[in-house]
Protein backbone atom coordinates (compact mmCIF):
# COMPACT_ATOMS: atom_id res chain seq x y z
CA MET A 1 -29.79 7.89 38.13
CA LYS A 2 -27.82 11.15 39.12
CA GLY A 3 -25.01 12.15 41.53
CA THR A 4 -24.58 15.46 43.00
CA HIS A 5 -22.11 16.84 45.60
CA SER A 6 -22.35 19.70 48.39
CA ASP A 7 -20.25 21.36 51.04
CA PHE A 8 -20.40 19.42 54.46
CA GLY A 9 -17.90 21.71 56.29
CA SER A 10 -14.11 22.24 56.68
CA LEU A 11 -11.48 20.41 58.60
CA THR A 12 -9.31 22.64 61.00
CA SER A 13 -6.82 22.52 57.95
CA GLY A 14 -9.31 24.50 55.80
CA GLU A 15 -9.79 21.54 53.64
CA LYS A 16 -13.44 21.07 52.59
CA VAL A 17 -15.49 17.84 53.45
CA MET A 18 -17.72 17.08 50.56
CA ALA A 19 -21.10 15.35 50.62
CA TYR A 20 -21.80 12.98 47.50
CA THR A 21 -25.69 12.13 46.91
CA LEU A 22 -26.65 9.36 44.63
CA THR A 23 -30.41 9.14 43.67
CA ASN A 24 -32.44 6.89 41.64
CA THR A 25 -35.56 7.55 39.85
CA ALA A 26 -37.82 6.28 42.80
CA GLY A 27 -36.21 9.09 45.03
CA THR A 28 -34.17 6.51 46.92
CA SER A 29 -30.91 8.01 47.72
CA ILE A 30 -27.53 7.71 49.43
CA THR A 31 -25.19 10.15 50.65
CA ILE A 32 -21.46 9.46 51.54
CA LEU A 33 -18.87 12.07 52.72
CA SER A 34 -15.45 12.42 51.79
CA TYR A 35 -14.17 12.28 55.30
CA GLY A 36 -13.80 8.76 56.40
CA ALA A 37 -15.69 7.75 53.14
CA THR A 38 -18.53 7.89 55.57
CA TRP A 39 -22.08 6.52 54.77
CA GLN A 40 -24.11 9.14 56.15
CA SER A 41 -27.55 8.74 54.67
CA TYR A 42 -29.69 6.13 53.13
CA ARG A 43 -33.20 7.39 52.27
CA ALA A 44 -35.64 4.64 51.03
CA PHE A 45 -39.60 4.29 50.97
CA GLY A 46 -39.60 7.98 52.21
CA GLN A 47 -37.49 7.69 55.38
CA GLU A 48 -33.89 7.85 56.66
CA ARG A 49 -32.88 4.32 57.40
CA LEU A 50 -29.43 5.00 58.99
CA ILE A 51 -28.32 6.37 62.14
CA GLN A 52 -26.53 9.54 61.25
CA PHE A 53 -25.13 13.00 62.46
CA ASN A 54 -25.86 15.96 60.58
CA ASP A 55 -22.80 18.15 61.15
CA LEU A 56 -19.18 17.52 60.50
CA ALA A 57 -18.16 18.33 64.34
CA HIS A 58 -19.99 15.13 65.50
CA TYR A 59 -18.20 12.93 62.92
CA LEU A 60 -14.89 14.48 63.78
CA ASN A 61 -15.53 13.10 67.41
CA ASN A 62 -16.81 9.85 66.56
CA PRO A 63 -15.75 7.03 68.91
CA PHE A 64 -18.48 4.82 67.66
CA HIS A 65 -17.15 5.13 64.01
CA LEU A 66 -20.68 5.97 63.00
CA GLY A 67 -20.96 5.28 59.09
CA ASN A 68 -17.04 5.18 58.69
CA THR A 69 -15.09 2.98 56.25
CA ILE A 70 -12.66 0.93 58.46
CA GLY A 71 -9.40 -0.11 57.24
CA ARG A 72 -6.62 -1.39 56.61
CA VAL A 73 -8.16 -3.80 59.24
CA GLY A 74 -11.48 -3.73 60.81
CA GLY A 75 -12.12 -5.15 64.27
CA ARG A 76 -9.56 -5.80 66.93
CA LEU A 77 -6.10 -7.20 66.46
CA SER A 78 -4.74 -8.89 69.60
CA GLN A 79 -1.30 -8.01 68.94
CA THR A 80 0.84 -4.93 68.01
CA ASP A 81 3.73 -6.50 66.53
CA TYR A 82 3.78 -8.50 63.26
CA GLU A 83 6.24 -10.02 60.88
CA LEU A 84 4.47 -10.74 57.36
CA THR A 85 7.85 -10.75 55.46
CA VAL A 86 11.05 -12.32 56.79
CA ASN A 87 13.14 -9.69 58.59
CA GLN A 88 10.48 -7.06 58.13
CA PRO A 89 8.63 -6.65 61.41
CA PHE A 90 6.39 -3.79 62.04
CA HIS A 91 4.63 -2.20 64.95
CA LEU A 92 1.10 -0.58 65.29
CA THR A 93 0.19 1.77 67.96
CA ALA A 94 -2.31 0.31 70.40
CA ASN A 95 -5.54 2.33 70.78
CA GLU A 96 -7.62 0.14 73.11
CA GLY A 97 -5.62 -1.24 76.04
CA ASN A 98 -2.94 -3.49 74.60
CA HIS A 99 -4.55 -3.95 71.33
CA VAL A 100 -5.31 -2.18 68.11
CA LEU A 101 -9.09 -1.58 66.99
CA HIS A 102 -10.01 -0.60 63.75
CA SER A 103 -6.46 0.07 62.71
CA GLY A 104 -6.09 2.62 65.33
CA VAL A 105 -4.24 6.09 64.28
CA ASN A 106 -3.78 4.52 60.74
CA GLY A 107 -7.50 4.51 60.33
CA PHE A 108 -9.25 4.96 56.79
CA ASP A 109 -11.93 6.81 58.95
CA GLN A 110 -9.49 9.47 59.63
CA VAL A 111 -8.64 10.99 56.32
CA ASN A 112 -10.39 13.08 53.75
CA TRP A 113 -10.76 10.91 50.42
CA SER A 114 -10.64 12.14 46.80
CA ALA A 115 -14.00 11.33 44.81
CA LYS A 116 -15.49 11.03 41.58
CA LEU A 117 -19.03 10.55 40.61
CA ILE A 118 -20.05 8.25 37.96
CA GLU A 119 -23.69 8.16 36.46
CA THR A 120 -25.23 5.62 34.07
CA SER A 121 -28.89 4.84 33.26
CA SER A 122 -29.30 2.01 35.57
CA ALA A 123 -26.85 3.00 38.54
CA ALA A 124 -24.99 5.83 39.96
CA SER A 125 -21.67 5.51 41.99
CA VAL A 126 -18.99 7.61 43.83
CA VAL A 127 -15.56 6.33 43.80
CA PHE A 128 -13.39 7.22 46.71
CA THR A 129 -9.37 7.14 46.58
CA HIS A 130 -6.60 7.51 48.97
CA THR A 131 -3.08 6.34 49.30
CA PHE A 132 -2.02 5.37 52.73
CA SER A 133 1.64 5.36 54.11
CA ASP A 134 1.47 4.37 57.72
CA GLU A 135 2.47 1.95 60.23
CA PHE A 136 1.37 -0.83 58.34
CA PRO A 137 3.86 -2.34 55.61
CA GLY A 138 3.79 -0.93 52.05
CA GLU A 139 2.38 2.21 50.35
CA LEU A 140 -1.47 1.14 49.89
CA GLU A 141 -3.61 2.52 46.95
CA ALA A 142 -7.11 2.17 48.57
CA GLU A 143 -10.51 2.70 46.62
CA VAL A 144 -14.07 2.47 48.04
CA LYS A 145 -17.04 2.24 45.49
CA TYR A 146 -20.51 2.93 46.58
CA THR A 147 -23.21 2.28 44.06
CA LEU A 148 -26.95 2.88 44.10
CA ASP A 149 -29.07 1.12 41.50
CA GLU A 150 -32.80 1.41 40.47
CA ASP A 151 -33.69 -1.54 42.58
CA ASP A 152 -32.79 0.65 45.74
CA ASP A 153 -30.00 -1.69 46.41
CA VAL A 154 -26.61 -0.42 47.72
CA SER A 155 -23.25 -2.16 47.08
CA ILE A 156 -19.87 -1.34 48.26
CA LYS A 157 -16.53 -2.35 46.96
CA PHE A 158 -13.33 -2.19 48.84
CA THR A 159 -10.08 -2.50 46.78
CA GLY A 160 -6.58 -2.26 47.91
CA GLU A 161 -3.15 -2.63 46.27
CA SER A 162 0.31 -2.46 48.36
CA THR A 163 4.02 -2.03 47.54
CA ALA A 164 4.59 -4.58 50.13
CA THR A 165 2.70 -7.44 51.64
CA THR A 166 0.35 -6.02 54.15
CA LEU A 167 -2.93 -6.58 56.01
CA PHE A 168 -6.40 -5.86 54.44
CA ASN A 169 -9.56 -6.31 56.07
CA PRO A 170 -11.80 -3.29 55.36
CA MET A 171 -15.36 -2.83 56.01
CA THR A 172 -18.15 -0.01 56.69
CA HIS A 173 -19.23 0.60 59.96
CA VAL A 174 -22.82 1.60 59.22
CA TYR A 175 -25.57 1.77 61.85
CA PHE A 176 -29.30 0.86 60.89
CA ASN A 177 -32.67 1.58 62.36
CA LEU A 178 -35.34 0.84 60.00
CA ASP A 179 -37.56 2.69 61.97
CA GLY A 180 -36.04 5.91 62.32
CA ALA A 181 -34.02 7.74 64.79
CA GLY A 182 -34.98 7.82 68.31
CA THR A 183 -36.80 4.30 68.14
CA ASN A 184 -35.84 1.10 69.76
CA VAL A 185 -33.86 -1.10 67.25
CA LEU A 186 -34.25 -3.93 69.86
CA THR A 187 -37.72 -4.60 68.61
CA HIS A 188 -36.32 -5.13 65.12
CA GLN A 189 -36.64 -8.66 63.93
CA LEU A 190 -33.24 -10.57 62.75
CA LYS A 191 -32.58 -13.77 60.92
CA MET A 192 -29.07 -14.87 60.14
CA ALA A 193 -27.59 -17.77 58.12
CA SER A 194 -25.17 -18.49 60.67
CA ASP A 195 -24.66 -21.49 62.88
CA LEU A 196 -21.50 -20.49 64.77
CA HIS A 197 -20.12 -17.31 66.63
CA VAL A 198 -16.51 -16.12 67.67
CA VAL A 199 -15.85 -16.62 71.42
CA VAL A 200 -13.84 -13.79 72.83
CA ASP A 201 -12.26 -12.97 76.07
CA ASP A 202 -12.99 -10.32 78.67
CA GLN A 203 -11.11 -7.87 76.34
CA LYS A 204 -13.34 -8.77 73.10
CA ILE A 205 -10.39 -10.66 71.75
CA PRO A 206 -11.13 -13.86 69.88
CA THR A 207 -9.83 -16.95 71.67
CA GLY A 208 -9.95 -18.93 68.47
CA GLU A 209 -12.86 -21.19 69.38
CA LEU A 210 -16.14 -21.02 67.63
CA GLN A 211 -19.38 -21.87 69.54
CA LYS A 212 -22.73 -23.18 68.29
CA ASN A 213 -25.55 -20.58 68.13
CA ILE A 214 -28.62 -22.94 68.66
CA GLY A 215 -30.13 -22.47 72.17
CA THR A 216 -28.02 -19.38 73.06
CA PRO A 217 -28.97 -15.67 72.72
CA PHE A 218 -26.73 -15.96 69.54
CA ASP A 219 -29.40 -18.12 67.77
CA PHE A 220 -31.20 -16.07 64.94
CA SER A 221 -31.79 -19.20 62.69
CA THR A 222 -35.37 -18.09 62.59
CA PHE A 223 -36.71 -14.33 62.67
CA LYS A 224 -36.45 -13.10 66.41
CA ALA A 225 -36.47 -9.68 67.99
CA ILE A 226 -32.92 -8.45 68.72
CA GLY A 227 -33.88 -7.78 72.40
CA THR A 228 -35.30 -10.95 73.05
CA ASP A 229 -32.41 -12.54 74.94
CA ILE A 230 -30.05 -9.87 75.13
CA ASP A 231 -30.17 -9.48 78.86
CA HIS A 232 -28.49 -12.72 79.14
CA LEU A 233 -25.38 -11.18 77.30
CA LYS A 234 -22.70 -9.36 79.14
CA SER A 235 -23.30 -5.92 79.23
CA ALA A 236 -26.78 -6.64 77.71
CA GLN A 237 -25.35 -5.74 74.44
CA TYR A 238 -24.35 -7.60 71.17
CA ASP A 239 -20.69 -6.77 69.99
CA ASP A 240 -20.17 -10.36 68.35
CA ALA A 241 -18.88 -11.79 65.30
CA PHE A 242 -21.05 -14.49 63.60
CA VAL A 243 -19.81 -16.76 60.94
CA VAL A 244 -21.53 -16.98 57.66
CA ALA A 245 -20.87 -18.40 54.28
CA PRO A 246 -19.45 -15.88 51.80
CA THR A 247 -22.02 -15.14 48.92
CA LEU A 248 -23.23 -12.36 46.83
CA ASP A 249 -26.26 -14.24 45.97
CA ALA A 250 -28.08 -15.09 48.98
CA ASP A 251 -29.13 -13.52 52.22
CA GLN A 252 -26.63 -13.62 55.09
CA LEU A 253 -28.76 -11.41 57.25
CA GLN A 254 -32.21 -10.32 56.99
CA LEU A 255 -33.45 -7.35 59.06
CA ARG A 256 -36.97 -6.31 59.64
CA ASN A 257 -38.45 -3.21 61.14
CA ALA A 258 -40.87 -3.84 64.37
CA ALA A 259 -43.98 -3.92 62.23
CA GLY A 260 -42.39 -6.50 60.01
CA THR A 261 -43.19 -4.23 56.93
CA LEU A 262 -39.78 -3.31 55.67
CA GLU A 263 -36.78 -5.73 55.25
CA LEU A 264 -33.00 -5.03 54.78
CA ALA A 265 -30.85 -8.12 53.51
CA VAL A 266 -27.08 -8.43 53.51
CA HIS A 267 -24.95 -10.33 50.93
CA SER A 268 -21.13 -10.18 50.96
CA ASP A 269 -18.03 -12.09 50.02
CA ARG A 270 -16.77 -12.17 53.66
CA ASN A 271 -17.15 -15.24 56.23
CA GLY A 272 -18.07 -12.97 59.17
CA LEU A 273 -20.90 -10.37 60.19
CA VAL A 274 -20.16 -8.53 63.37
CA LEU A 275 -23.47 -7.04 64.93
CA PHE A 276 -23.00 -4.35 67.68
CA THR A 277 -26.05 -2.87 69.40
CA VAL A 278 -25.57 0.81 70.79
CA ASN A 279 -26.99 4.18 71.20
CA PRO A 280 -24.51 6.57 69.50
CA ASP A 281 -26.36 9.62 70.86
CA ALA A 282 -25.24 8.57 74.41
CA LEU A 283 -22.03 10.48 73.52
CA TYR A 284 -23.85 13.86 73.86
CA HIS A 285 -26.12 12.89 77.04
CA THR A 286 -25.66 12.29 80.67
CA PRO A 287 -25.39 8.73 81.98
CA GLU A 288 -28.78 9.13 83.45
CA TRP A 289 -30.37 9.72 80.12
CA GLU A 290 -28.51 6.78 78.50
CA LYS A 291 -30.15 4.56 81.40
CA THR A 292 -33.65 5.13 80.01
CA ALA A 293 -32.87 5.85 76.38
CA PRO A 294 -33.75 3.20 73.77
CA VAL A 295 -30.95 1.26 72.09
CA THR A 296 -31.27 3.01 68.54
CA ALA A 297 -28.56 1.40 66.52
CA LEU A 298 -27.65 -2.08 65.09
CA ALA A 299 -24.08 -1.81 63.38
CA ILE A 300 -23.85 -4.55 60.67
CA GLU A 301 -20.08 -4.97 59.81
CA ALA A 302 -19.45 -7.54 56.95
CA GLN A 303 -15.64 -8.47 57.14
CA THR A 304 -13.32 -11.46 57.53
CA LEU A 305 -13.64 -12.87 61.02
CA PRO A 306 -11.77 -10.60 63.39
CA ASP A 307 -8.17 -11.06 64.40
CA ALA A 308 -7.71 -13.53 61.41
CA ILE A 309 -3.98 -12.89 61.14
CA SER A 310 -3.81 -14.56 64.66
CA GLN A 311 -6.21 -17.28 64.27
CA PRO A 312 -5.48 -19.42 61.00
CA ASP A 313 -8.89 -20.92 60.84
CA PHE A 314 -10.56 -17.53 60.59
CA GLY A 315 -9.65 -16.55 57.03
CA ASP A 316 -6.72 -14.96 55.16
CA ILE A 317 -6.49 -11.28 55.54
CA VAL A 318 -2.72 -11.00 54.02
CA LEU A 319 -2.56 -8.73 50.83
CA PRO A 320 0.63 -9.89 48.91
CA ALA A 321 2.53 -7.06 47.35
CA LYS A 322 1.51 -5.93 44.03
CA VAL A 323 -1.77 -7.97 44.23
CA ARG A 324 -5.09 -5.98 43.76
CA LYS A 325 -7.68 -7.07 45.94
CA THR A 326 -11.41 -6.40 46.16
CA TYR A 327 -14.14 -7.07 48.55
CA THR A 328 -17.95 -6.47 48.09
CA VAL A 329 -20.89 -5.96 50.30
CA LYS A 330 -24.54 -5.48 49.25
CA TYR A 331 -27.44 -3.98 51.06
CA LYS A 332 -30.90 -4.77 49.55
CA ILE A 333 -34.10 -3.05 50.89
CA LYS A 334 -37.67 -3.80 50.18
CA GLU A 335 -41.17 -3.60 51.21
CA VAL A 336 -42.58 -6.77 52.72
CA ASN A 337 -45.52 -8.26 51.32
CA LYS A 338 -48.13 -9.93 53.75
CA HIS A 339 -47.13 -13.49 52.24
CA ASP A 340 -43.67 -12.75 52.97
CA LYS A 341 -44.21 -11.67 56.75
CA ILE A 342 -43.18 -13.85 59.70
């Protein structure tokens, strides 16, 4: 196992953005950028499996948050004013209508993190650290640790400790296409260990209601092409949170390429998986191009269910002062044997 680093460009301040690459003995590798602690590459079985940009300028103009680490809070917050501690209210700047998306101006994705490589005989890691002092309460010491092992598995650990009680619901906004850039991700087969999804209003804010998946376009209880029922959805797009049981020992989600020869499984200690289908390249093309181009990317976001601070049944994202909290998500990729196929 080895870790290397290289120059990925410079910010307008002159500060360098570094790319950190972890490689195992089979040749599988992942690359993470210091800017936004951004997962930029996952090369496995001879091919790139992420949707990526290859230059810093695109990551600096990245409304789809391609590959970014998101925090302090991922997803949408319905309000901008909160009070976690008596007589200590705080205000967040709205960045999507009257709401806050992915922490807005306070985002983990908007800073250049410090990093350290760690190598052992069985795994290689890169640990990103940054101290955040922003609109959220408290000074937050944040750490994001990416690890690649000899089984080609990737784990990400998000750790935070704050000087004051705050909110903490970090995640990674990574986009997958197991068949490679430019191909249609809607032909991928998807299976999820989920019976419920989050109902949202017309601004994509959770109403607090959970609906059953069975018999709806949200039913992925058995393998099904992502695009099978997508035209029955508003905007013909998934941008939805699914309820899952937190587990690091079983598959919450399985994604297979169109041929069914490669599988990605997701494990996490979170109770939600947000799926988002989009073509991030649309930003750099005309609307006419977008109408005929394939949907190339599936974001898989493991997090506590969105807007949990306003929905008491969705989970607890309050981080008490001076308490250290870590969340973990694992991505396990493998070739599918004939007897494992659908």
